[in-house]
Amino acid sequence: MLPAPGDLGHRRDNAMLAMQQKETELQAMVKAATDAARQAEWDFHNSILGMKEAVRAQFGPDSNAAQAIGYKKKSERKRPRRCSA
């Protein structure tokens, strides 16, 4: 016995709605995971900046330690020159 035409459409409609619901839930999970990853990146970035400031505070802006983490020594910076008119 074949299903009634309306019954078949109703089952397909339910399947379609279920798949759309699942898609929406997965999109929300992806967005939440993306937000969590971005927050972790910012936390890491801010901890590195804090570490750099701690090195400069402990050893000074003209130290080899400051240079080792990527800063330029204060004594090696070019001083501004006056333009002669």
C-alpha atoms as a PDB file:
ATOM      1  CA  MET A   1       0.000   0.000   0.000  1.00  0.00           C
ATOM      2  CA  LEU A   2       1.374   3.415  -0.992  1.00  0.00           C
ATOM      3  CA  PRO A   3       1.355   6.318   1.476  1.00  0.00           C
ATOM      4  CA  ALA A   4      -1.112   9.087   0.855  1.00  0.00           C
ATOM      5  CA  PRO A   5       0.433  12.012  -1.078  1.00  0.00           C
ATOM      6  CA  GLY A   6      -0.195  14.422   1.800  1.00  0.00           C
ATOM      7  CA  ASP A   7       1.417  12.031   4.289  1.00  0.00           C
ATOM      8  CA  LEU A   8       4.640  11.806   2.254  1.00  0.00           C
ATOM      9  CA  GLY A   9       4.859  15.603   2.027  1.00  0.00           C
ATOM     10  CA  HIS A  10       4.265  15.914   5.746  1.00  0.00           C
ATOM     11  CA  ARG A  11       7.153  13.521   6.506  1.00  0.00           C
ATOM     12  CA  ARG A  12       9.493  15.392   4.140  1.00  0.00           C
ATOM     13  CA  ASP A  13       8.455  18.670   5.738  1.00  0.00           C
ATOM     14  CA  ASN A  14       9.277  17.297   9.199  1.00  0.00           C
ATOM     15  CA  ALA A  15      12.640  15.996   7.940  1.00  0.00           C
ATOM     16  CA  MET A  16      13.424  19.363   6.360  1.00  0.00           C
ATOM     17  CA  LEU A  17      12.528  21.245   9.556  1.00  0.00           C
ATOM     18  CA  ALA A  18      14.604  18.859  11.651  1.00  0.00           C
ATOM     19  CA  MET A  19      17.624  19.352   9.385  1.00  0.00           C
ATOM     20  CA  GLN A  20      17.196  23.134   9.452  1.00  0.00           C
ATOM     21  CA  GLN A  21      17.040  23.038  13.239  1.00  0.00           C
ATOM     22  CA  LYS A  22      20.201  20.941  13.361  1.00  0.00           C
ATOM     23  CA  GLU A  23      21.934  23.368  10.985  1.00  0.00           C
ATOM     24  CA  THR A  24      20.968  26.321  13.178  1.00  0.00           C
ATOM     25  CA  GLU A  25      22.255  24.574  16.303  1.00  0.00           C
ATOM     26  CA  LEU A  26      25.565  23.701  14.612  1.00  0.00           C
ATOM     27  CA  GLN A  27      25.994  27.283  13.400  1.00  0.00           C
ATOM     28  CA  ALA A  28      25.486  28.503  16.971  1.00  0.00           C
ATOM     29  CA  MET A  29      28.078  25.997  18.222  1.00  0.00           C
ATOM     30  CA  VAL A  30      30.592  27.158  15.599  1.00  0.00           C
ATOM     31  CA  LYS A  31      30.017  30.786  16.566  1.00  0.00           C
ATOM     32  CA  ALA A  32      30.488  29.957  20.246  1.00  0.00           C
ATOM     33  CA  ALA A  33      33.713  28.057  19.496  1.00  0.00           C
ATOM     34  CA  THR A  34      34.989  30.951  17.380  1.00  0.00           C
ATOM     35  CA  ASP A  35      34.236  33.429  20.158  1.00  0.00           C
ATOM     36  CA  ALA A  36      35.981  31.236  22.734  1.00  0.00           C
ATOM     37  CA  ALA A  37      39.066  30.882  20.509  1.00  0.00           C
ATOM     38  CA  ARG A  38      39.201  34.631  19.902  1.00  0.00           C
ATOM     39  CA  GLN A  39      38.943  35.316  23.647  1.00  0.00           C
ATOM     40  CA  ALA A  40      41.776  32.853  24.317  1.00  0.00           C
ATOM     41  CA  GLU A  41      43.911  34.658  21.711  1.00  0.00           C
ATOM     42  CA  TRP A  42      43.271  38.002  23.401  1.00  0.00           C
ATOM     43  CA  ASP A  43      44.072  36.552  26.820  1.00  0.00           C
ATOM     44  CA  PHE A  44      47.363  35.184  25.483  1.00  0.00           C
ATOM     45  CA  HIS A  45      48.192  38.490  23.784  1.00  0.00           C
ATOM     46  CA  ASN A  46      47.512  40.478  26.945  1.00  0.00           C
ATOM     47  CA  SER A  47      49.614  38.102  29.058  1.00  0.00           C
ATOM     48  CA  ILE A  48      52.549  38.543  26.650  1.00  0.00           C
ATOM     49  CA  LEU A  49      52.210  42.336  26.853  1.00  0.00           C
ATOM     50  CA  GLY A  50      52.172  42.076  30.640  1.00  0.00           C
ATOM     51  CA  MET A  51      55.287  39.903  30.566  1.00  0.00           C
ATOM     52  CA  LYS A  52      57.088  42.448  28.375  1.00  0.00           C
ATOM     53  CA  GLU A  53      56.183  45.283  30.721  1.00  0.00           C
ATOM     54  CA  ALA A  54      57.388  43.226  33.697  1.00  0.00           C
ATOM     55  CA  VAL A  55      60.760  42.666  31.998  1.00  0.00           C
ATOM     56  CA  ARG A  56      61.122  46.389  31.282  1.00  0.00           C
ATOM     57  CA  ALA A  57      60.127  47.235  34.861  1.00  0.00           C
ATOM     58  CA  GLN A  58      62.522  44.716  36.386  1.00  0.00           C
ATOM     59  CA  PHE A  59      65.563  45.204  34.134  1.00  0.00           C
ATOM     60  CA  GLY A  60      65.020  48.691  32.697  1.00  0.00           C
ATOM     61  CA  PRO A  61      64.436  50.009  29.175  1.00  0.00           C
ATOM     62  CA  ASP A  62      68.172  49.955  28.316  1.00  0.00           C
ATOM     63  CA  SER A  63      68.842  46.327  29.311  1.00  0.00           C
ATOM     64  CA  ASN A  64      69.851  43.306  27.279  1.00  0.00           C
ATOM     65  CA  ALA A  65      66.758  41.518  28.605  1.00  0.00           C
ATOM     66  CA  ALA A  66      64.500  44.159  27.061  1.00  0.00           C
ATOM     67  CA  GLN A  67      66.361  43.767  23.794  1.00  0.00           C
ATOM     68  CA  ALA A  68      66.023  39.977  23.977  1.00  0.00           C
ATOM     69  CA  ILE A  69      62.214  40.172  24.014  1.00  0.00           C
ATOM     70  CA  GLY A  70      62.065  42.461  21.000  1.00  0.00           C
ATOM     71  CA  TYR A  71      62.414  45.997  22.331  1.00  0.00           C
ATOM     72  CA  LYS A  72      65.079  48.367  21.115  1.00  0.00           C
ATOM     73  CA  LYS A  73      67.522  49.595  23.740  1.00  0.00           C
ATOM     74  CA  LYS A  74      66.857  53.164  24.782  1.00  0.00           C
ATOM     75  CA  SER A  75      70.502  54.073  24.210  1.00  0.00           C
ATOM     76  CA  GLU A  76      70.357  52.764  20.616  1.00  0.00           C
ATOM     77  CA  ARG A  77      67.465  54.959  19.582  1.00  0.00           C
ATOM     78  CA  LYS A  78      68.236  57.744  17.205  1.00  0.00           C
ATOM     79  CA  ARG A  79      67.965  61.120  18.878  1.00  0.00           C
ATOM     80  CA  PRO A  80      66.055  63.840  17.042  1.00  0.00           C
ATOM     81  CA  ARG A  81      68.286  66.358  15.303  1.00  0.00           C
ATOM     82  CA  ARG A  82      67.581  70.008  14.911  1.00  0.00           C
ATOM     83  CA  CYS A  83      67.161  71.192  11.380  1.00  0.00           C
ATOM     84  CA  SER A  84      69.500  74.029  10.499  1.00  0.00           C
ATOM     85  CA  ALA A  85      67.743  76.835   8.727  1.00  0.00           C
END
